[in-house]
N, C-alpha and C. Protein backbone atom coordinates (compact mmCIF):
# COMPACT_ATOMS: atom_id res chain seq x y z
N MET A 1 -30.55 60.89 102.66
CA MET A 1 -30.42 59.82 101.68
C MET A 1 -28.98 59.32 101.68
N ASN A 2 -28.83 58.02 101.58
CA ASN A 2 -27.53 57.36 101.50
C ASN A 2 -26.82 57.82 100.23
N ARG A 3 -25.53 58.18 100.36
CA ARG A 3 -24.78 58.68 99.20
C ARG A 3 -24.64 57.63 98.10
N LEU A 4 -24.68 56.37 98.46
CA LEU A 4 -24.54 55.31 97.48
C LEU A 4 -25.60 55.43 96.38
N LEU A 5 -26.79 55.83 96.76
CA LEU A 5 -27.88 55.96 95.81
C LEU A 5 -27.59 57.05 94.77
N THR A 6 -26.91 58.11 95.18
CA THR A 6 -26.63 59.20 94.25
C THR A 6 -25.63 58.79 93.17
N TYR A 7 -24.87 57.71 93.41
CA TYR A 7 -23.90 57.25 92.43
C TYR A 7 -24.48 56.27 91.42
N CYS A 8 -25.71 55.83 91.64
CA CYS A 8 -26.32 54.88 90.70
C CYS A 8 -26.70 55.60 89.41
N PRO A 9 -26.36 55.02 88.27
CA PRO A 9 -26.70 55.66 87.00
C PRO A 9 -28.21 55.68 86.79
N PRO A 10 -28.73 56.74 86.18
CA PRO A 10 -30.18 56.87 85.99
C PRO A 10 -30.78 55.81 85.06
N TYR A 11 -29.96 55.17 84.25
CA TYR A 11 -30.46 54.15 83.32
C TYR A 11 -30.49 52.75 83.94
N MET A 12 -30.13 52.64 85.20
CA MET A 12 -30.07 51.34 85.85
C MET A 12 -31.47 50.72 85.93
N PRO A 13 -31.59 49.42 85.65
CA PRO A 13 -32.92 48.78 85.72
C PRO A 13 -33.50 48.86 87.13
N GLU A 14 -34.81 49.03 87.19
CA GLU A 14 -35.53 49.09 88.46
C GLU A 14 -36.46 47.89 88.58
N ARG A 15 -36.74 47.52 89.82
CA ARG A 15 -37.73 46.48 90.11
C ARG A 15 -38.71 47.04 91.13
N LYS A 16 -40.00 46.90 90.83
CA LYS A 16 -41.05 47.28 91.79
C LYS A 16 -41.55 45.99 92.42
N VAL A 17 -41.70 46.01 93.74
CA VAL A 17 -42.14 44.82 94.46
C VAL A 17 -43.31 45.16 95.38
N SER A 18 -44.07 44.14 95.72
CA SER A 18 -45.22 44.28 96.61
C SER A 18 -44.87 43.71 97.98
N PRO A 19 -45.60 44.12 99.01
CA PRO A 19 -45.35 43.56 100.34
C PRO A 19 -45.40 42.02 100.30
N GLY A 20 -44.41 41.41 100.94
CA GLY A 20 -44.34 39.96 100.99
C GLY A 20 -43.50 39.32 99.89
N ASP A 21 -43.18 40.07 98.84
CA ASP A 21 -42.35 39.51 97.76
C ASP A 21 -40.96 39.18 98.29
N ILE A 22 -40.46 38.01 97.92
CA ILE A 22 -39.10 37.60 98.28
C ILE A 22 -38.15 38.16 97.22
N LEU A 23 -37.18 38.94 97.66
CA LEU A 23 -36.20 39.53 96.76
C LEU A 23 -34.96 38.66 96.64
N LEU A 24 -34.50 38.15 97.76
CA LEU A 24 -33.35 37.24 97.82
C LEU A 24 -33.71 36.17 98.84
N GLU A 25 -33.36 34.92 98.53
CA GLU A 25 -33.73 33.83 99.43
C GLU A 25 -32.50 33.18 100.05
N GLU A 26 -32.54 33.06 101.37
CA GLU A 26 -31.44 32.44 102.11
C GLU A 26 -31.12 31.07 101.53
N GLY A 27 -29.83 30.83 101.32
CA GLY A 27 -29.39 29.53 100.82
C GLY A 27 -29.40 29.39 99.30
N LYS A 28 -29.93 30.40 98.60
CA LYS A 28 -29.96 30.38 97.14
C LYS A 28 -29.11 31.52 96.60
N ARG A 29 -28.88 31.50 95.30
CA ARG A 29 -28.10 32.56 94.64
C ARG A 29 -28.97 33.25 93.60
N ALA A 30 -29.13 34.55 93.76
CA ALA A 30 -29.90 35.32 92.77
C ALA A 30 -28.96 35.92 91.73
N GLY A 31 -27.70 36.13 92.09
CA GLY A 31 -26.73 36.68 91.15
C GLY A 31 -26.96 38.15 90.83
N VAL A 32 -27.61 38.87 91.75
CA VAL A 32 -27.88 40.29 91.54
C VAL A 32 -27.49 41.08 92.79
N LEU A 33 -27.31 42.36 92.59
CA LEU A 33 -27.09 43.31 93.66
C LEU A 33 -28.29 44.25 93.63
N LEU A 34 -28.94 44.45 94.77
CA LEU A 34 -30.12 45.30 94.85
C LEU A 34 -29.81 46.54 95.69
N ILE A 35 -30.32 47.69 95.23
CA ILE A 35 -30.13 48.95 95.96
C ILE A 35 -31.51 49.57 96.14
N LEU A 36 -31.87 49.79 97.40
CA LEU A 36 -33.21 50.30 97.73
C LEU A 36 -33.36 51.76 97.30
N ILE A 37 -34.43 52.03 96.56
CA ILE A 37 -34.76 53.40 96.16
C ILE A 37 -35.79 53.96 97.14
N GLU A 38 -36.86 53.18 97.38
CA GLU A 38 -37.89 53.58 98.34
C GLU A 38 -38.64 52.34 98.80
N GLY A 39 -39.25 52.46 99.98
CA GLY A 39 -39.99 51.35 100.57
C GLY A 39 -39.21 50.75 101.74
N SER A 40 -39.70 49.61 102.21
CA SER A 40 -39.07 48.91 103.33
C SER A 40 -38.92 47.44 103.02
N VAL A 41 -37.82 46.88 103.45
CA VAL A 41 -37.60 45.43 103.32
C VAL A 41 -37.18 44.88 104.67
N GLU A 42 -37.50 43.62 104.89
CA GLU A 42 -37.06 42.96 106.12
C GLU A 42 -36.00 41.92 105.78
N ILE A 43 -35.08 41.76 106.69
CA ILE A 43 -34.03 40.76 106.56
C ILE A 43 -34.39 39.66 107.54
N VAL A 44 -34.50 38.43 107.01
CA VAL A 44 -34.92 37.30 107.82
C VAL A 44 -33.84 36.21 107.74
N LYS A 45 -33.41 35.76 108.90
CA LYS A 45 -32.43 34.67 108.99
C LYS A 45 -33.14 33.51 109.68
N GLY A 46 -33.34 32.43 108.93
CA GLY A 46 -34.11 31.32 109.48
C GLY A 46 -35.53 31.79 109.73
N GLU A 47 -35.97 31.70 110.96
CA GLU A 47 -37.33 32.12 111.34
C GLU A 47 -37.37 33.52 111.94
N TYR A 48 -36.20 34.17 112.07
CA TYR A 48 -36.12 35.42 112.81
C TYR A 48 -35.90 36.63 111.92
N GLN A 49 -36.72 37.65 112.14
CA GLN A 49 -36.49 38.92 111.47
C GLN A 49 -35.33 39.59 112.21
N ILE A 50 -34.26 39.88 111.48
CA ILE A 50 -33.10 40.50 112.15
C ILE A 50 -32.99 42.00 111.86
N ASP A 51 -33.73 42.48 110.86
CA ASP A 51 -33.69 43.91 110.59
C ASP A 51 -34.85 44.31 109.70
N LEU A 52 -35.25 45.56 109.81
CA LEU A 52 -36.24 46.17 108.92
C LEU A 52 -35.57 47.42 108.39
N ILE A 53 -35.42 47.49 107.07
CA ILE A 53 -34.62 48.56 106.46
C ILE A 53 -35.47 49.39 105.51
N SER A 54 -35.37 50.72 105.68
CA SER A 54 -36.10 51.61 104.78
C SER A 54 -35.23 52.77 104.30
N GLU A 55 -33.93 52.72 104.58
CA GLU A 55 -33.04 53.80 104.16
C GLU A 55 -32.71 53.67 102.67
N PRO A 56 -33.08 54.66 101.86
CA PRO A 56 -32.71 54.62 100.44
C PRO A 56 -31.20 54.50 100.30
N GLY A 57 -30.77 53.67 99.36
CA GLY A 57 -29.35 53.43 99.14
C GLY A 57 -28.84 52.18 99.84
N SER A 58 -29.68 51.55 100.65
CA SER A 58 -29.28 50.31 101.31
C SER A 58 -29.07 49.24 100.24
N VAL A 59 -28.06 48.40 100.47
CA VAL A 59 -27.64 47.40 99.48
C VAL A 59 -27.95 46.00 100.00
N PHE A 60 -28.37 45.12 99.08
CA PHE A 60 -28.70 43.75 99.44
C PHE A 60 -28.07 42.80 98.41
N GLY A 61 -27.56 41.68 98.90
CA GLY A 61 -26.97 40.67 98.02
C GLY A 61 -25.47 40.79 97.88
N GLU A 62 -24.87 41.78 98.57
CA GLU A 62 -23.44 42.04 98.39
C GLU A 62 -22.56 40.91 98.92
N ILE A 63 -22.95 40.28 100.00
CA ILE A 63 -22.13 39.19 100.54
C ILE A 63 -22.09 38.04 99.56
N SER A 64 -23.24 37.66 99.04
CA SER A 64 -23.31 36.56 98.07
C SER A 64 -22.50 36.87 96.83
N VAL A 65 -22.63 38.09 96.33
CA VAL A 65 -21.91 38.49 95.11
C VAL A 65 -20.40 38.52 95.34
N LEU A 66 -19.97 39.16 96.41
CA LEU A 66 -18.54 39.34 96.63
C LEU A 66 -17.83 38.05 97.05
N LEU A 67 -18.53 37.18 97.77
CA LEU A 67 -17.91 35.94 98.23
C LEU A 67 -18.28 34.74 97.38
N ASP A 68 -19.14 34.95 96.38
CA ASP A 68 -19.60 33.88 95.51
C ASP A 68 -20.17 32.72 96.32
N THR A 69 -21.12 33.07 97.19
CA THR A 69 -21.78 32.10 98.06
C THR A 69 -23.29 32.29 97.98
N PRO A 70 -24.05 31.33 98.47
CA PRO A 70 -25.49 31.54 98.56
C PRO A 70 -25.81 32.68 99.54
N HIS A 71 -26.99 33.24 99.41
CA HIS A 71 -27.41 34.34 100.29
C HIS A 71 -27.45 33.86 101.73
N THR A 72 -27.01 34.72 102.65
CA THR A 72 -26.94 34.36 104.06
C THR A 72 -28.25 34.66 104.79
N ALA A 73 -29.17 35.34 104.14
CA ALA A 73 -30.46 35.67 104.74
C ALA A 73 -31.47 35.90 103.61
N THR A 74 -32.73 35.90 103.98
CA THR A 74 -33.80 36.22 103.04
C THR A 74 -34.10 37.70 103.14
N VAL A 75 -34.30 38.34 102.00
CA VAL A 75 -34.72 39.74 101.94
C VAL A 75 -36.12 39.74 101.35
N ARG A 76 -37.07 40.29 102.12
CA ARG A 76 -38.48 40.27 101.73
C ARG A 76 -39.05 41.68 101.84
N ALA A 77 -39.86 42.06 100.87
CA ALA A 77 -40.49 43.39 100.89
C ALA A 77 -41.47 43.47 102.05
N ALA A 78 -41.32 44.48 102.89
CA ALA A 78 -42.24 44.72 103.99
C ALA A 78 -43.37 45.65 103.54
N THR A 79 -43.04 46.50 102.57
CA THR A 79 -44.02 47.42 101.98
C THR A 79 -43.79 47.38 100.47
N ALA A 80 -44.63 48.08 99.73
CA ALA A 80 -44.32 48.26 98.32
C ALA A 80 -42.96 48.97 98.25
N ALA A 81 -42.13 48.57 97.31
CA ALA A 81 -40.78 49.13 97.25
C ALA A 81 -40.29 49.18 95.81
N ARG A 82 -39.30 50.05 95.60
CA ARG A 82 -38.58 50.12 94.32
C ARG A 82 -37.11 49.94 94.61
N LEU A 83 -36.44 49.16 93.76
CA LEU A 83 -35.02 48.90 93.92
C LEU A 83 -34.32 48.96 92.59
N TYR A 84 -33.07 49.44 92.60
CA TYR A 84 -32.22 49.28 91.43
C TYR A 84 -31.71 47.85 91.44
N VAL A 85 -31.51 47.30 90.23
CA VAL A 85 -31.02 45.93 90.10
C VAL A 85 -29.77 45.94 89.23
N ALA A 86 -28.66 45.48 89.80
CA ALA A 86 -27.44 45.28 89.02
C ALA A 86 -27.41 43.78 88.69
N GLU A 87 -27.74 43.47 87.44
CA GLU A 87 -27.86 42.06 87.05
C GLU A 87 -26.51 41.40 86.79
N ASP A 88 -25.49 42.17 86.52
CA ASP A 88 -24.12 41.67 86.45
C ASP A 88 -23.34 42.47 87.48
N PRO A 89 -23.49 42.10 88.76
CA PRO A 89 -23.01 42.97 89.83
C PRO A 89 -21.51 43.21 89.85
N LEU A 90 -20.71 42.22 89.49
CA LEU A 90 -19.26 42.45 89.51
C LEU A 90 -18.86 43.43 88.42
N ALA A 91 -19.44 43.30 87.24
CA ALA A 91 -19.16 44.26 86.16
C ALA A 91 -19.65 45.65 86.56
N PHE A 92 -20.81 45.71 87.20
CA PHE A 92 -21.35 46.98 87.66
C PHE A 92 -20.39 47.65 88.65
N LEU A 93 -19.90 46.89 89.62
CA LEU A 93 -18.99 47.46 90.61
C LEU A 93 -17.66 47.88 89.99
N ARG A 94 -17.18 47.11 89.01
CA ARG A 94 -15.93 47.49 88.33
C ARG A 94 -16.10 48.79 87.53
N SER A 95 -17.27 48.97 86.94
CA SER A 95 -17.49 50.15 86.10
C SER A 95 -17.99 51.37 86.88
N HIS A 96 -18.31 51.18 88.16
CA HIS A 96 -18.76 52.28 89.01
C HIS A 96 -17.96 52.27 90.31
N PRO A 97 -16.70 52.71 90.25
CA PRO A 97 -15.84 52.63 91.43
C PRO A 97 -16.38 53.40 92.64
N GLU A 98 -17.16 54.45 92.40
CA GLU A 98 -17.72 55.19 93.53
C GLU A 98 -18.74 54.35 94.30
N VAL A 99 -19.47 53.48 93.60
CA VAL A 99 -20.40 52.57 94.26
C VAL A 99 -19.59 51.49 95.00
N ALA A 100 -18.55 50.96 94.35
CA ALA A 100 -17.71 49.94 94.99
C ALA A 100 -17.06 50.51 96.26
N LEU A 101 -16.59 51.76 96.21
CA LEU A 101 -15.99 52.38 97.38
C LEU A 101 -17.04 52.56 98.48
N GLY A 102 -18.22 53.02 98.10
CA GLY A 102 -19.30 53.18 99.08
C GLY A 102 -19.66 51.85 99.73
N LEU A 103 -19.71 50.80 98.94
CA LEU A 103 -20.00 49.47 99.47
C LEU A 103 -18.87 49.02 100.38
N SER A 104 -17.63 49.30 100.01
CA SER A 104 -16.48 48.94 100.86
C SER A 104 -16.57 49.64 102.21
N LYS A 105 -16.94 50.91 102.20
CA LYS A 105 -17.09 51.65 103.46
C LYS A 105 -18.20 51.06 104.32
N LEU A 106 -19.31 50.69 103.68
CA LEU A 106 -20.43 50.08 104.39
C LEU A 106 -19.99 48.77 105.05
N LEU A 107 -19.28 47.93 104.30
CA LEU A 107 -18.81 46.65 104.84
C LEU A 107 -17.79 46.87 105.95
N ALA A 108 -16.93 47.88 105.81
CA ALA A 108 -15.95 48.18 106.86
C ALA A 108 -16.67 48.63 108.14
N LYS A 109 -17.72 49.43 108.01
CA LYS A 109 -18.49 49.86 109.19
C LYS A 109 -19.13 48.66 109.89
N ARG A 110 -19.68 47.73 109.10
CA ARG A 110 -20.28 46.53 109.68
C ARG A 110 -19.22 45.71 110.42
N LEU A 111 -18.06 45.53 109.81
CA LEU A 111 -16.99 44.76 110.44
C LEU A 111 -16.53 45.43 111.72
N TYR A 112 -16.38 46.74 111.68
CA TYR A 112 -15.97 47.48 112.87
C TYR A 112 -17.00 47.30 114.00
N ALA A 113 -18.28 47.42 113.67
CA ALA A 113 -19.32 47.25 114.69
C ALA A 113 -19.29 45.83 115.26
N MET A 114 -19.12 44.84 114.40
CA MET A 114 -19.11 43.45 114.86
C MET A 114 -17.90 43.17 115.74
N THR A 115 -16.71 43.61 115.33
CA THR A 115 -15.53 43.34 116.14
C THR A 115 -15.58 44.13 117.46
N SER A 116 -16.12 45.34 117.43
CA SER A 116 -16.27 46.12 118.67
C SER A 116 -17.20 45.39 119.63
N TYR A 117 -18.27 44.85 119.11
CA TYR A 117 -19.22 44.10 119.92
C TYR A 117 -18.56 42.84 120.50
N LEU A 118 -17.80 42.13 119.69
CA LEU A 118 -17.13 40.92 120.17
C LEU A 118 -16.07 41.25 121.22
N VAL A 119 -15.36 42.36 121.05
CA VAL A 119 -14.37 42.76 122.05
C VAL A 119 -15.07 43.07 123.37
N ASP A 120 -16.22 43.73 123.30
CA ASP A 120 -16.99 44.02 124.51
C ASP A 120 -17.42 42.71 125.18
N LEU A 121 -17.90 41.77 124.40
CA LEU A 121 -18.28 40.47 124.95
C LEU A 121 -17.08 39.76 125.58
N LYS A 122 -15.93 39.86 124.91
CA LYS A 122 -14.71 39.24 125.42
C LYS A 122 -14.38 39.80 126.80
N ARG A 123 -14.48 41.12 126.96
CA ARG A 123 -14.21 41.74 128.27
C ARG A 123 -15.17 41.22 129.34
N GLN A 124 -16.43 41.09 128.96
CA GLN A 124 -17.44 40.66 129.93
C GLN A 124 -17.28 39.21 130.36
N PHE A 125 -16.85 38.35 129.44
CA PHE A 125 -16.84 36.91 129.73
C PHE A 125 -15.43 36.31 129.75
N GLU A 126 -14.41 37.15 129.82
CA GLU A 126 -13.03 36.68 129.83
C GLU A 126 -12.80 35.75 131.03
N GLY A 127 -12.13 34.66 130.75
CA GLY A 127 -11.77 33.73 131.82
C GLY A 127 -12.84 32.70 132.16
N ARG A 128 -13.99 32.78 131.53
CA ARG A 128 -15.02 31.78 131.80
C ARG A 128 -14.68 30.49 131.06
N GLY A 129 -14.98 29.38 131.67
CA GLY A 129 -14.68 28.09 131.08
C GLY A 129 -15.78 27.53 130.21
N ASP A 130 -16.92 28.21 130.12
CA ASP A 130 -18.03 27.69 129.32
C ASP A 130 -17.98 28.23 127.90
N HIS A 131 -19.07 28.09 127.17
CA HIS A 131 -19.09 28.50 125.76
C HIS A 131 -18.85 30.00 125.57
N PHE A 132 -19.13 30.81 126.57
CA PHE A 132 -18.85 32.24 126.43
C PHE A 132 -17.35 32.51 126.38
N GLY A 133 -16.55 31.61 126.94
CA GLY A 133 -15.11 31.74 126.89
C GLY A 133 -14.55 31.60 125.49
N MET A 134 -15.35 31.08 124.56
CA MET A 134 -14.91 30.90 123.16
C MET A 134 -14.90 32.20 122.38
N ILE A 135 -15.43 33.26 122.93
CA ILE A 135 -15.49 34.54 122.22
C ILE A 135 -14.09 34.96 121.78
N ASP A 136 -13.09 34.70 122.62
CA ASP A 136 -11.72 35.04 122.28
C ASP A 136 -11.29 34.33 121.00
N GLU A 137 -11.63 33.05 120.87
CA GLU A 137 -11.29 32.28 119.68
C GLU A 137 -12.02 32.82 118.45
N VAL A 138 -13.29 33.15 118.62
CA VAL A 138 -14.07 33.69 117.50
C VAL A 138 -13.47 35.01 117.03
N LEU A 139 -13.17 35.88 117.96
CA LEU A 139 -12.59 37.18 117.62
C LEU A 139 -11.25 37.01 116.92
N ASP A 140 -10.40 36.12 117.44
CA ASP A 140 -9.10 35.87 116.84
C ASP A 140 -9.26 35.35 115.41
N THR A 141 -10.21 34.46 115.19
CA THR A 141 -10.46 33.93 113.85
C THR A 141 -10.90 35.03 112.89
N LEU A 142 -11.80 35.89 113.35
CA LEU A 142 -12.27 36.99 112.50
C LEU A 142 -11.15 37.96 112.16
N ILE A 143 -10.35 38.30 113.15
CA ILE A 143 -9.30 39.29 112.93
C ILE A 143 -8.23 38.77 111.99
N HIS A 144 -7.90 37.50 112.10
CA HIS A 144 -6.81 36.94 111.32
C HIS A 144 -7.25 36.21 110.06
N ALA A 145 -8.53 36.21 109.77
CA ALA A 145 -9.02 35.52 108.56
C ALA A 145 -8.52 36.27 107.33
N GLN A 146 -7.87 35.57 106.45
CA GLN A 146 -7.38 36.14 105.20
C GLN A 146 -7.86 35.25 104.07
N ASP A 147 -8.02 35.84 102.92
CA ASP A 147 -8.40 35.08 101.74
C ASP A 147 -7.17 34.33 101.25
N GLU A 148 -7.16 33.04 101.48
CA GLU A 148 -6.00 32.25 101.11
C GLU A 148 -6.20 31.64 99.73
N GLU A 149 -5.13 31.68 98.94
CA GLU A 149 -5.14 31.01 97.65
C GLU A 149 -5.13 29.51 97.91
N HIS A 150 -5.82 28.76 97.09
CA HIS A 150 -5.78 27.32 97.25
C HIS A 150 -5.80 26.66 95.88
N GLU A 151 -5.28 25.50 95.85
CA GLU A 151 -5.19 24.72 94.62
C GLU A 151 -6.13 23.53 94.74
N PRO A 152 -6.70 23.08 93.62
CA PRO A 152 -7.50 21.87 93.67
C PRO A 152 -6.65 20.71 94.17
N GLY A 153 -7.29 19.70 94.71
CA GLY A 153 -6.59 18.55 95.27
C GLY A 153 -6.52 18.70 96.78
N SER A 154 -5.83 17.76 97.43
CA SER A 154 -5.70 17.80 98.88
C SER A 154 -4.39 17.12 99.27
N ASP A 155 -4.08 17.16 100.56
CA ASP A 155 -2.88 16.47 101.03
C ASP A 155 -3.00 14.98 100.78
N ARG A 156 -4.21 14.47 100.93
CA ARG A 156 -4.45 13.04 100.72
C ARG A 156 -4.32 12.65 99.26
N ASP A 157 -4.79 13.52 98.38
CA ASP A 157 -4.76 13.25 96.94
C ASP A 157 -4.35 14.52 96.23
N PRO A 158 -3.02 14.72 96.03
CA PRO A 158 -2.54 15.98 95.46
C PRO A 158 -2.83 16.16 93.98
N ASP A 159 -3.53 15.23 93.35
CA ASP A 159 -3.87 15.35 91.93
C ASP A 159 -4.81 16.54 91.76
N PRO A 160 -4.39 17.62 91.06
CA PRO A 160 -5.22 18.83 90.91
C PRO A 160 -6.48 18.61 90.08
N THR A 161 -6.61 17.46 89.43
CA THR A 161 -7.83 17.20 88.66
C THR A 161 -8.92 16.59 89.54
N VAL A 162 -8.58 16.24 90.78
CA VAL A 162 -9.55 15.65 91.70
C VAL A 162 -10.05 16.76 92.61
N TYR A 163 -11.35 16.90 92.67
CA TYR A 163 -11.95 17.96 93.51
C TYR A 163 -12.57 17.39 94.74
């Protein structure tokens, strides 16, 4: 069992779902963080199933919550399932630092796997003049991406009341 699940408080609200139920929809915001207790869910991006997950403690909705963006994929129940629901996910993460740390480790593992994969691709396609040659640019962008502070307005119209 994933250690993240052991850190969830026993009073946390649960949701039971049936096969085919949409838990999170790509392009929309549910404003919740879901943690799988039991069952299986599929992750669908566009028309493609990209993963089938049944590991208790798996987390869904974290990218949308942490980046304040719409969901990047649809999460749909593949079987009957039970999930914990954090309805105020940022407050939940602030009040449960062990869950926030576990989530941070999970995201770091994903980033490590993705950058390792991109570095491998870079080695394979280095020096090519076609679209595969862009891997170097993609990797550089990912490695150097930082959360930059920004002010309303623009160079064209520096008035901060104009969005």
